[in-house]
PDB file of all heavy atoms in Angstrom:
ATOM      1  N   ALA A   1     -10.388 -15.744   1.778  1.00  0.00           N
ATOM      2  CA  ALA A   1     -11.487 -16.494   2.379  1.00  0.00           C
ATOM      3  C   ALA A   1     -12.803 -15.721   2.296  1.00  0.00           C
ATOM      4  O   ALA A   1     -13.882 -16.316   2.204  1.00  0.00           O
ATOM      5  CB  ALA A   1     -11.164 -16.837   3.835  1.00  0.00           C
ATOM      6  N   GLU A   2     -12.721 -14.383   2.293  1.00  0.00           N
ATOM      7  CA  GLU A   2     -13.909 -13.533   2.191  1.00  0.00           C
ATOM      8  C   GLU A   2     -14.324 -13.321   0.735  1.00  0.00           C
ATOM      9  O   GLU A   2     -15.310 -12.632   0.463  1.00  0.00           O
ATOM     10  CB  GLU A   2     -13.643 -12.167   2.842  1.00  0.00           C
ATOM     11  CG  GLU A   2     -13.346 -12.214   4.333  1.00  0.00           C
ATOM     12  CD  GLU A   2     -14.612 -12.208   5.184  1.00  0.00           C
ATOM     13  OE1 GLU A   2     -15.715 -12.243   4.603  1.00  0.00           O
ATOM     14  OE2 GLU A   2     -14.476 -12.168   6.432  1.00  0.00           O
ATOM     15  N   GLY A   3     -13.551 -13.886  -0.206  1.00  0.00           N
ATOM     16  CA  GLY A   3     -13.862 -13.711  -1.619  1.00  0.00           C
ATOM     17  C   GLY A   3     -13.394 -12.398  -2.194  1.00  0.00           C
ATOM     18  O   GLY A   3     -13.860 -11.967  -3.251  1.00  0.00           O
ATOM     19  N   LEU A   4     -12.449 -11.742  -1.517  1.00  0.00           N
ATOM     20  CA  LEU A   4     -11.918 -10.459  -1.966  1.00  0.00           C
ATOM     21  C   LEU A   4     -10.490 -10.625  -2.468  1.00  0.00           C
ATOM     22  O   LEU A   4      -9.714 -11.405  -1.917  1.00  0.00           O
ATOM     23  CB  LEU A   4     -11.941  -9.440  -0.828  1.00  0.00           C
ATOM     24  CG  LEU A   4     -13.320  -9.097  -0.268  1.00  0.00           C
ATOM     25  CD1 LEU A   4     -13.185  -8.241   0.982  1.00  0.00           C
ATOM     26  CD2 LEU A   4     -14.167  -8.380  -1.315  1.00  0.00           C
ATOM     27  N   GLY A   5     -10.151  -9.878  -3.504  1.00  0.00           N
ATOM     28  CA  GLY A   5      -8.797  -9.910  -4.026  1.00  0.00           C
ATOM     29  C   GLY A   5      -7.924  -8.880  -3.345  1.00  0.00           C
ATOM     30  O   GLY A   5      -8.416  -7.863  -2.829  1.00  0.00           O
ATOM     31  N   MET A   6      -6.619  -9.141  -3.334  1.00  0.00           N
ATOM     32  CA  MET A   6      -5.674  -8.180  -2.775  1.00  0.00           C
ATOM     33  C   MET A   6      -4.390  -8.225  -3.575  1.00  0.00           C
ATOM     34  O   MET A   6      -3.963  -9.292  -4.043  1.00  0.00           O
ATOM     35  CB  MET A   6      -5.384  -8.476  -1.299  1.00  0.00           C
ATOM     36  CG  MET A   6      -4.691  -7.318  -0.582  1.00  0.00           C
ATOM     37  SD  MET A   6      -4.383  -7.664   1.168  1.00  0.00           S
ATOM     38  CE  MET A   6      -2.680  -8.200   1.099  1.00  0.00           C
ATOM     39  N   GLY A   7      -3.781  -7.074  -3.765  1.00  0.00           N
ATOM     40  CA  GLY A   7      -2.499  -6.986  -4.453  1.00  0.00           C
ATOM     41  C   GLY A   7      -1.541  -6.115  -3.673  1.00  0.00           C
ATOM     42  O   GLY A   7      -1.924  -5.064  -3.145  1.00  0.00           O
ATOM     43  N   TRP A   8      -0.297  -6.560  -3.580  1.00  0.00           N
ATOM     44  CA  TRP A   8       0.746  -5.820  -2.854  1.00  0.00           C
ATOM     45  C   TRP A   8       1.558  -5.027  -3.870  1.00  0.00           C
ATOM     46  O   TRP A   8       2.227  -5.598  -4.728  1.00  0.00           O
ATOM     47  CB  TRP A   8       1.625  -6.805  -2.090  1.00  0.00           C
ATOM     48  CG  TRP A   8       2.732  -6.204  -1.265  1.00  0.00           C
ATOM     49  CD1 TRP A   8       3.290  -4.970  -1.391  1.00  0.00           C
ATOM     50  CD2 TRP A   8       3.431  -6.830  -0.178  1.00  0.00           C
ATOM     51  NE1 TRP A   8       4.285  -4.785  -0.459  1.00  0.00           N
ATOM     52  CE2 TRP A   8       4.391  -5.908   0.297  1.00  0.00           C
ATOM     53  CE3 TRP A   8       3.342  -8.086   0.417  1.00  0.00           C
ATOM     54  CZ2 TRP A   8       5.258  -6.215   1.342  1.00  0.00           C
ATOM     55  CZ3 TRP A   8       4.198  -8.385   1.463  1.00  0.00           C
ATOM     56  CH2 TRP A   8       5.147  -7.460   1.931  1.00  0.00           C
ATOM     57  N   VAL A   9       1.528  -3.705  -3.779  1.00  0.00           N
ATOM     58  CA  VAL A   9       2.288  -2.822  -4.657  1.00  0.00           C
ATOM     59  C   VAL A   9       3.491  -2.286  -3.888  1.00  0.00           C
ATOM     60  O   VAL A   9       3.331  -1.696  -2.815  1.00  0.00           O
ATOM     61  CB  VAL A   9       1.415  -1.667  -5.174  1.00  0.00           C
ATOM     62  CG1 VAL A   9       2.226  -0.743  -6.085  1.00  0.00           C
ATOM     63  CG2 VAL A   9       0.192  -2.198  -5.907  1.00  0.00           C
ATOM     64  N   SER A  10       4.675  -2.484  -4.450  1.00  0.00           N
ATOM     65  CA  SER A  10       5.904  -1.994  -3.798  1.00  0.00           C
ATOM     66  C   SER A  10       6.714  -1.109  -4.744  1.00  0.00           C
ATOM     67  O   SER A  10       7.865  -0.779  -4.442  1.00  0.00           O
ATOM     68  CB  SER A  10       6.757  -3.174  -3.326  1.00  0.00           C
ATOM     69  OG  SER A  10       7.100  -4.017  -4.418  1.00  0.00           O
ATOM     70  N   LEU A  11       6.136  -0.741  -5.862  1.00  0.00           N
ATOM     71  CA  LEU A  11       6.825   0.121  -6.820  1.00  0.00           C
ATOM     72  C   LEU A  11       6.592   1.580  -6.435  1.00  0.00           C
ATOM     73  O   LEU A  11       5.649   2.226  -6.905  1.00  0.00           O
ATOM     74  CB  LEU A  11       6.299  -0.138  -8.238  1.00  0.00           C
ATOM     75  CG  LEU A  11       6.620  -1.501  -8.852  1.00  0.00           C
ATOM     76  CD1 LEU A  11       5.829  -1.705 -10.127  1.00  0.00           C
ATOM     77  CD2 LEU A  11       8.113  -1.599  -9.139  1.00  0.00           C
ATOM     78  N   PHE A  12       7.427   2.098  -5.552  1.00  0.00           N
ATOM     79  CA  PHE A  12       7.331   3.513  -5.177  1.00  0.00           C
ATOM     80  C   PHE A  12       8.594   3.920  -4.441  1.00  0.00           C
ATOM     81  O   PHE A  12       9.339   3.078  -3.921  1.00  0.00           O
ATOM     82  CB  PHE A  12       6.087   3.786  -4.313  1.00  0.00           C
ATOM     83  CG  PHE A  12       5.973   2.942  -3.069  1.00  0.00           C
ATOM     84  CD1 PHE A  12       6.730   3.222  -1.930  1.00  0.00           C
ATOM     85  CD2 PHE A  12       5.100   1.860  -3.020  1.00  0.00           C
ATOM     86  CE1 PHE A  12       6.620   2.452  -0.777  1.00  0.00           C
ATOM     87  CE2 PHE A  12       4.977   1.085  -1.879  1.00  0.00           C
ATOM     88  CZ  PHE A  12       5.747   1.381  -0.760  1.00  0.00           C
ATOM     89  N   ASP A  13       8.826   5.224  -4.411  1.00  0.00           N
ATOM     90  CA  ASP A  13       9.921   5.798  -3.634  1.00  0.00           C
ATOM     91  C   ASP A  13       9.412   5.963  -2.196  1.00  0.00           C
ATOM     92  O   ASP A  13       8.469   6.733  -1.959  1.00  0.00           O
ATOM     93  CB  ASP A  13      10.316   7.145  -4.219  1.00  0.00           C
ATOM     94  CG  ASP A  13      11.418   7.847  -3.435  1.00  0.00           C
ATOM     95  OD1 ASP A  13      11.729   7.407  -2.307  1.00  0.00           O
ATOM     96  OD2 ASP A  13      11.958   8.843  -3.938  1.00  0.00           O
ATOM     97  N   PRO A  14       9.977   5.246  -1.224  1.00  0.00           N
ATOM     98  CA  PRO A  14       9.468   5.322   0.148  1.00  0.00           C
ATOM     99  C   PRO A  14       9.411   6.745   0.705  1.00  0.00           C
ATOM    100  O   PRO A  14       8.459   7.092   1.411  1.00  0.00           O
ATOM    101  CB  PRO A  14      10.457   4.452   0.940  1.00  0.00           C
ATOM    102  CG  PRO A  14      11.007   3.500  -0.066  1.00  0.00           C
ATOM    103  CD  PRO A  14      11.092   4.280  -1.339  1.00  0.00           C
ATOM    104  N   ALA A  15      10.407   7.564   0.383  1.00  0.00           N
ATOM    105  CA  ALA A  15      10.418   8.935   0.904  1.00  0.00           C
ATOM    106  C   ALA A  15       9.251   9.739   0.341  1.00  0.00           C
ATOM    107  O   ALA A  15       8.604  10.519   1.066  1.00  0.00           O
ATOM    108  CB  ALA A  15      11.746   9.611   0.567  1.00  0.00           C
ATOM    109  N   GLU A  16       8.955   9.546  -0.945  1.00  0.00           N
ATOM    110  CA  GLU A  16       7.846  10.281  -1.564  1.00  0.00           C
ATOM    111  C   GLU A  16       6.511   9.859  -0.957  1.00  0.00           C
ATOM    112  O   GLU A  16       5.670  10.711  -0.625  1.00  0.00           O
ATOM    113  CB  GLU A  16       7.838  10.035  -3.073  1.00  0.00           C
ATOM    114  CG  GLU A  16       6.731  10.760  -3.802  1.00  0.00           C
ATOM    115  CD  GLU A  16       6.723  10.514  -5.298  1.00  0.00           C
ATOM    116  OE1 GLU A  16       7.524   9.679  -5.777  1.00  0.00           O
ATOM    117  OE2 GLU A  16       5.909  11.149  -5.999  1.00  0.00           O
ATOM    118  N   VAL A  17       6.304   8.560  -0.790  1.00  0.00           N
ATOM    119  CA  VAL A  17       5.050   8.072  -0.222  1.00  0.00           C
ATOM    120  C   VAL A  17       4.936   8.472   1.247  1.00  0.00           C
ATOM    121  O   VAL A  17       3.852   8.818   1.717  1.00  0.00           O
ATOM    122  CB  VAL A  17       4.938   6.546  -0.400  1.00  0.00           C
ATOM    123  CG1 VAL A  17       3.762   5.983   0.393  1.00  0.00           C
ATOM    124  CG2 VAL A  17       4.770   6.213  -1.886  1.00  0.00           C
ATOM    125  N   ALA A  18       6.047   8.445   1.960  1.00  0.00           N
ATOM    126  CA  ALA A  18       6.026   8.871   3.367  1.00  0.00           C
ATOM    127  C   ALA A  18       5.570  10.318   3.489  1.00  0.00           C
ATOM    128  O   ALA A  18       4.789  10.672   4.382  1.00  0.00           O
ATOM    129  CB  ALA A  18       7.405   8.690   3.989  1.00  0.00           C
ATOM    130  N   ALA A  19       6.045  11.164   2.567  1.00  0.00           N
ATOM    131  CA  ALA A  19       5.644  12.569   2.596  1.00  0.00           C
ATOM    132  C   ALA A  19       4.158  12.726   2.265  1.00  0.00           C
ATOM    133  O   ALA A  19       3.441  13.500   2.906  1.00  0.00           O
ATOM    134  CB  ALA A  19       6.494  13.372   1.610  1.00  0.00           C
ATOM    135  N   LEU A  20       3.685  11.965   1.272  1.00  0.00           N
ATOM    136  CA  LEU A  20       2.271  12.048   0.891  1.00  0.00           C
ATOM    137  C   LEU A  20       1.352  11.620   2.034  1.00  0.00           C
ATOM    138  O   LEU A  20       0.256  12.165   2.210  1.00  0.00           O
ATOM    139  CB  LEU A  20       2.011  11.174  -0.337  1.00  0.00           C
ATOM    140  CG  LEU A  20       2.572  11.679  -1.667  1.00  0.00           C
ATOM    141  CD1 LEU A  20       2.392  10.623  -2.761  1.00  0.00           C
ATOM    142  CD2 LEU A  20       1.888  12.987  -2.072  1.00  0.00           C
ATOM    143  N   LEU A  21       1.804  10.647   2.816  1.00  0.00           N
ATOM    144  CA  LEU A  21       0.976  10.105   3.898  1.00  0.00           C
ATOM    145  C   LEU A  21       1.221  10.802   5.233  1.00  0.00           C
ATOM    146  O   LEU A  21       0.578  10.461   6.235  1.00  0.00           O
ATOM    147  CB  LEU A  21       1.241   8.605   4.043  1.00  0.00           C
ATOM    148  CG  LEU A  21       0.858   7.743   2.826  1.00  0.00           C
ATOM    149  CD1 LEU A  21       1.291   6.293   3.046  1.00  0.00           C
ATOM    150  CD2 LEU A  21      -0.639   7.813   2.553  1.00  0.00           C
ATOM    151  N   GLY A  22       2.152  11.742   5.267  1.00  0.00           N
ATOM    152  CA  GLY A  22       2.412  12.473   6.501  1.00  0.00           C
ATOM    153  C   GLY A  22       3.014  11.617   7.595  1.00  0.00           C
ATOM    154  O   GLY A  22       2.682  11.795   8.786  1.00  0.00           O
ATOM    155  N   LEU A  23       3.912  10.702   7.236  1.00  0.00           N
ATOM    156  CA  LEU A  23       4.512   9.819   8.240  1.00  0.00           C
ATOM    157  C   LEU A  23       5.476  10.593   9.130  1.00  0.00           C
ATOM    158  O   LEU A  23       6.188  11.490   8.659  1.00  0.00           O
ATOM    159  CB  LEU A  23       5.253   8.662   7.566  1.00  0.00           C
ATOM    160  CG  LEU A  23       4.451   7.740   6.653  1.00  0.00           C
ATOM    161  CD1 LEU A  23       5.277   6.502   6.295  1.00  0.00           C
ATOM    162  CD2 LEU A  23       3.137   7.320   7.292  1.00  0.00           C
ATOM    163  N   PRO A  24       5.557  10.235  10.410  1.00  0.00           N
ATOM    164  CA  PRO A  24       6.519  10.883  11.302  1.00  0.00           C
ATOM    165  C   PRO A  24       7.928  10.382  11.003  1.00  0.00           C
ATOM    166  O   PRO A  24       8.100   9.332  10.367  1.00  0.00           O
ATOM    167  CB  PRO A  24       6.056  10.430  12.691  1.00  0.00           C
ATOM    168  CG  PRO A  24       5.396   9.114  12.449  1.00  0.00           C
ATOM    169  CD  PRO A  24       4.720   9.241  11.120  1.00  0.00           C
ATOM    170  N   PRO A  25       8.958  11.100  11.443  1.00  0.00           N
ATOM    171  CA  PRO A  25      10.336  10.643  11.229  1.00  0.00           C
ATOM    172  C   PRO A  25      10.539   9.244  11.808  1.00  0.00           C
ATOM    173  O   PRO A  25      10.077   8.943  12.910  1.00  0.00           O
ATOM    174  CB  PRO A  25      11.170  11.687  11.989  1.00  0.00           C
ATOM    175  CG  PRO A  25      10.322  12.915  12.006  1.00  0.00           C
ATOM    176  CD  PRO A  25       8.902  12.418  12.123  1.00  0.00           C
ATOM    177  N   GLY A  26      11.193   8.398  11.045  1.00  0.00           N
ATOM    178  CA  GLY A  26      11.458   7.032  11.494  1.00  0.00           C
ATOM    179  C   GLY A  26      10.450   6.023  11.003  1.00  0.00           C
ATOM    180  O   GLY A  26      10.729   4.823  10.972  1.00  0.00           O
ATOM    181  N   ALA A  27       9.258   6.467  10.617  1.00  0.00           N
ATOM    182  CA  ALA A  27       8.257   5.555  10.056  1.00  0.00           C
ATOM    183  C   ALA A  27       8.561   5.351   8.576  1.00  0.00           C
ATOM    184  O   ALA A  27       9.155   6.213   7.929  1.00  0.00           O
ATOM    185  CB  ALA A  27       6.860   6.100  10.245  1.00  0.00           C
ATOM    186  N   GLU A  28       8.132   4.220   8.045  1.00  0.00           N
ATOM    187  CA  GLU A  28       8.498   3.878   6.666  1.00  0.00           C
ATOM    188  C   GLU A  28       7.386   3.089   5.980  1.00  0.00           C
ATOM    189  O   GLU A  28       6.911   2.093   6.518  1.00  0.00           O
ATOM    190  CB  GLU A  28       9.787   3.037   6.689  1.00  0.00           C
ATOM    191  CG  GLU A  28      10.276   2.594   5.327  1.00  0.00           C
ATOM    192  CD  GLU A  28      11.504   1.700   5.440  1.00  0.00           C
ATOM    193  OE1 GLU A  28      11.956   1.440   6.583  1.00  0.00           O
ATOM    194  OE2 GLU A  28      11.994   1.256   4.394  1.00  0.00           O
ATOM    195  N   PRO A  29       6.962   3.489   4.783  1.00  0.00           N
ATOM    196  CA  PRO A  29       5.954   2.714   4.048  1.00  0.00           C
ATOM    197  C   PRO A  29       6.598   1.502   3.384  1.00  0.00           C
ATOM    198  O   PRO A  29       7.699   1.596   2.837  1.00  0.00           O
ATOM    199  CB  PRO A  29       5.446   3.716   3.004  1.00  0.00           C
ATOM    200  CG  PRO A  29       6.629   4.592   2.735  1.00  0.00           C
ATOM    201  CD  PRO A  29       7.358   4.712   4.055  1.00  0.00           C
ATOM    202  N   ILE A  30       5.912   0.359   3.448  1.00  0.00           N
ATOM    203  CA  ILE A  30       6.454  -0.848   2.821  1.00  0.00           C
ATOM    204  C   ILE A  30       5.505  -1.451   1.799  1.00  0.00           C
ATOM    205  O   ILE A  30       5.911  -2.318   1.015  1.00  0.00           O
ATOM    206  CB  ILE A  30       6.814  -1.925   3.868  1.00  0.00           C
ATOM    207  CG1 ILE A  30       5.567  -2.355   4.648  1.00  0.00           C
ATOM    208  CG2 ILE A  30       7.910  -1.431   4.794  1.00  0.00           C
ATOM    209  CD1 ILE A  30       5.795  -3.571   5.531  1.00  0.00           C
ATOM    210  N   ALA A  31       4.242  -1.018   1.785  1.00  0.00           N
ATOM    211  CA  ALA A  31       3.289  -1.636   0.867  1.00  0.00           C
ATOM    212  C   ALA A  31       2.097  -0.721   0.646  1.00  0.00           C
ATOM    213  O   ALA A  31       1.655  -0.019   1.551  1.00  0.00           O
ATOM    214  CB  ALA A  31       2.805  -2.980   1.413  1.00  0.00           C
ATOM    215  N   LEU A  32       1.599  -0.756  -0.570  1.00  0.00           N
ATOM    216  CA  LEU A  32       0.287  -0.200  -0.894  1.00  0.00           C
ATOM    217  C   LEU A  32      -0.570  -1.395  -1.276  1.00  0.00           C
ATOM    218  O   LEU A  32      -0.282  -2.092  -2.258  1.00  0.00           O
ATOM    219  CB  LEU A  32       0.378   0.801  -2.049  1.00  0.00           C
ATOM    220  CG  LEU A  32       1.169   2.076  -1.768  1.00  0.00           C
ATOM    221  CD1 LEU A  32       1.321   2.911  -3.039  1.00  0.00           C
ATOM    222  CD2 LEU A  32       0.508   2.907  -0.670  1.00  0.00           C
ATOM    223  N   LEU A  33      -1.590  -1.673  -0.484  1.00  0.00           N
ATOM    224  CA  LEU A  33      -2.414  -2.857  -0.686  1.00  0.00           C
ATOM    225  C   LEU A  33      -3.719  -2.476  -1.368  1.00  0.00           C
ATOM    226  O   LEU A  33      -4.516  -1.705  -0.829  1.00  0.00           O
ATOM    227  CB  LEU A  33      -2.719  -3.530   0.657  1.00  0.00           C
ATOM    228  CG  LEU A  33      -1.515  -3.978   1.487  1.00  0.00           C
ATOM    229  CD1 LEU A  33      -1.993  -4.659   2.771  1.00  0.00           C
ATOM    230  CD2 LEU A  33      -0.595  -4.899   0.689  1.00  0.00           C
ATOM    231  N   CYS A  34      -3.922  -3.009  -2.572  1.00  0.00           N
ATOM    232  CA  CYS A  34      -5.181  -2.838  -3.298  1.00  0.00           C
ATOM    233  C   CYS A  34      -6.100  -3.982  -2.865  1.00  0.00           C
ATOM    234  O   CYS A  34      -5.719  -5.146  -2.924  1.00  0.00           O
ATOM    235  CB  CYS A  34      -4.938  -2.896  -4.803  1.00  0.00           C
ATOM    236  SG  CYS A  34      -3.716  -1.707  -5.393  1.00  0.00           S
ATOM    237  N   LEU A  35      -7.309  -3.651  -2.454  1.00  0.00           N
ATOM    238  CA  LEU A  35      -8.198  -4.646  -1.861  1.00  0.00           C
ATOM    239  C   LEU A  35      -9.628  -4.432  -2.341  1.00  0.00           C
ATOM    240  O   LEU A  35     -10.106  -3.302  -2.392  1.00  0.00           O
ATOM    241  CB  LEU A  35      -8.146  -4.521  -0.334  1.00  0.00           C
ATOM    242  CG  LEU A  35      -9.129  -5.351   0.498  1.00  0.00           C
ATOM    243  CD1 LEU A  35      -8.755  -6.829   0.433  1.00  0.00           C
ATOM    244  CD2 LEU A  35      -9.127  -4.869   1.946  1.00  0.00           C
ATOM    245  N   GLY A  36     -10.300  -5.525  -2.700  1.00  0.00           N
ATOM    246  CA  GLY A  36     -11.704  -5.384  -3.066  1.00  0.00           C
ATOM    247  C   GLY A  36     -12.211  -6.507  -3.938  1.00  0.00           C
ATOM    248  O   GLY A  36     -11.483  -7.472  -4.226  1.00  0.00           O
ATOM    249  N   PRO A  37     -13.467  -6.414  -4.364  1.00  0.00           N
ATOM    250  CA  PRO A  37     -14.033  -7.430  -5.253  1.00  0.00           C
ATOM    251  C   PRO A  37     -13.251  -7.521  -6.560  1.00  0.00           C
ATOM    252  O   PRO A  37     -12.701  -6.519  -7.038  1.00  0.00           O
ATOM    253  CB  PRO A  37     -15.461  -6.914  -5.507  1.00  0.00           C
ATOM    254  CG  PRO A  37     -15.765  -6.015  -4.349  1.00  0.00           C
ATOM    255  CD  PRO A  37     -14.459  -5.372  -3.996  1.00  0.00           C
ATOM    256  N   VAL A  38     -13.203  -8.710  -7.114  1.00  0.00           N
ATOM    257  CA  VAL A  38     -12.544  -8.947  -8.403  1.00  0.00           C
ATOM    258  C   VAL A  38     -13.508  -9.692  -9.314  1.00  0.00           C
ATOM    259  O   VAL A  38     -14.446 -10.338  -8.849  1.00  0.00           O
ATOM    260  CB  VAL A  38     -11.240  -9.758  -8.239  1.00  0.00           C
ATOM    261  CG1 VAL A  38     -10.216  -8.978  -7.428  1.00  0.00           C
ATOM    262  CG2 VAL A  38     -11.508 -11.102  -7.584  1.00  0.00           C
ATOM    263  N   HIS A  39     -13.289  -9.581 -10.612  1.00  0.00           N
ATOM    264  CA  HIS A  39     -14.130 -10.308 -11.560  1.00  0.00           C
ATOM    265  C   HIS A  39     -13.937 -11.810 -11.388  1.00  0.00           C
ATOM    266  O   HIS A  39     -14.888 -12.586 -11.416  1.00  0.00           O
ATOM    267  CB  HIS A  39     -13.777  -9.903 -12.987  1.00  0.00           C
ATOM    268  CG  HIS A  39     -14.068  -8.457 -13.284  1.00  0.00           C
ATOM    269  ND1 HIS A  39     -15.338  -7.988 -13.483  1.00  0.00           N
ATOM    270  CD2 HIS A  39     -13.232  -7.382 -13.395  1.00  0.00           C
ATOM    271  CE1 HIS A  39     -15.290  -6.683 -13.727  1.00  0.00           C
ATOM    272  NE2 HIS A  39     -14.025  -6.290 -13.671  1.00  0.00           N
ATOM    273  N   GLU A  40     -12.679 -12.223 -11.217  1.00  0.00           N
ATOM    274  CA  GLU A  40     -12.344 -13.629 -11.011  1.00  0.00           C
ATOM    275  C   GLU A  40     -10.895 -13.700 -10.546  1.00  0.00           C
ATOM    276  O   GLU A  40     -10.101 -12.799 -10.800  1.00  0.00           O
ATOM    277  CB  GLU A  40     -12.536 -14.426 -12.304  1.00  0.00           C
ATOM    278  CG  GLU A  40     -11.809 -13.852 -13.511  1.00  0.00           C
ATOM    279  CD  GLU A  40     -12.264 -14.472 -14.821  1.00  0.00           C
ATOM    280  OE1 GLU A  40     -13.028 -15.448 -14.759  1.00  0.00           O
ATOM    281  OE2 GLU A  40     -11.858 -13.995 -15.890  1.00  0.00           O
TER     282      GLU A  40
END
């Protein structure tokens, strides 16, 4: 509605991404969302 594009990326090892983001035990990454202006 704001005219911005978004993409949901789920191609990753959750443990690796959790370590990169410093997640506490029990937390889990489920998505990397790319967001912003698009050409069309």
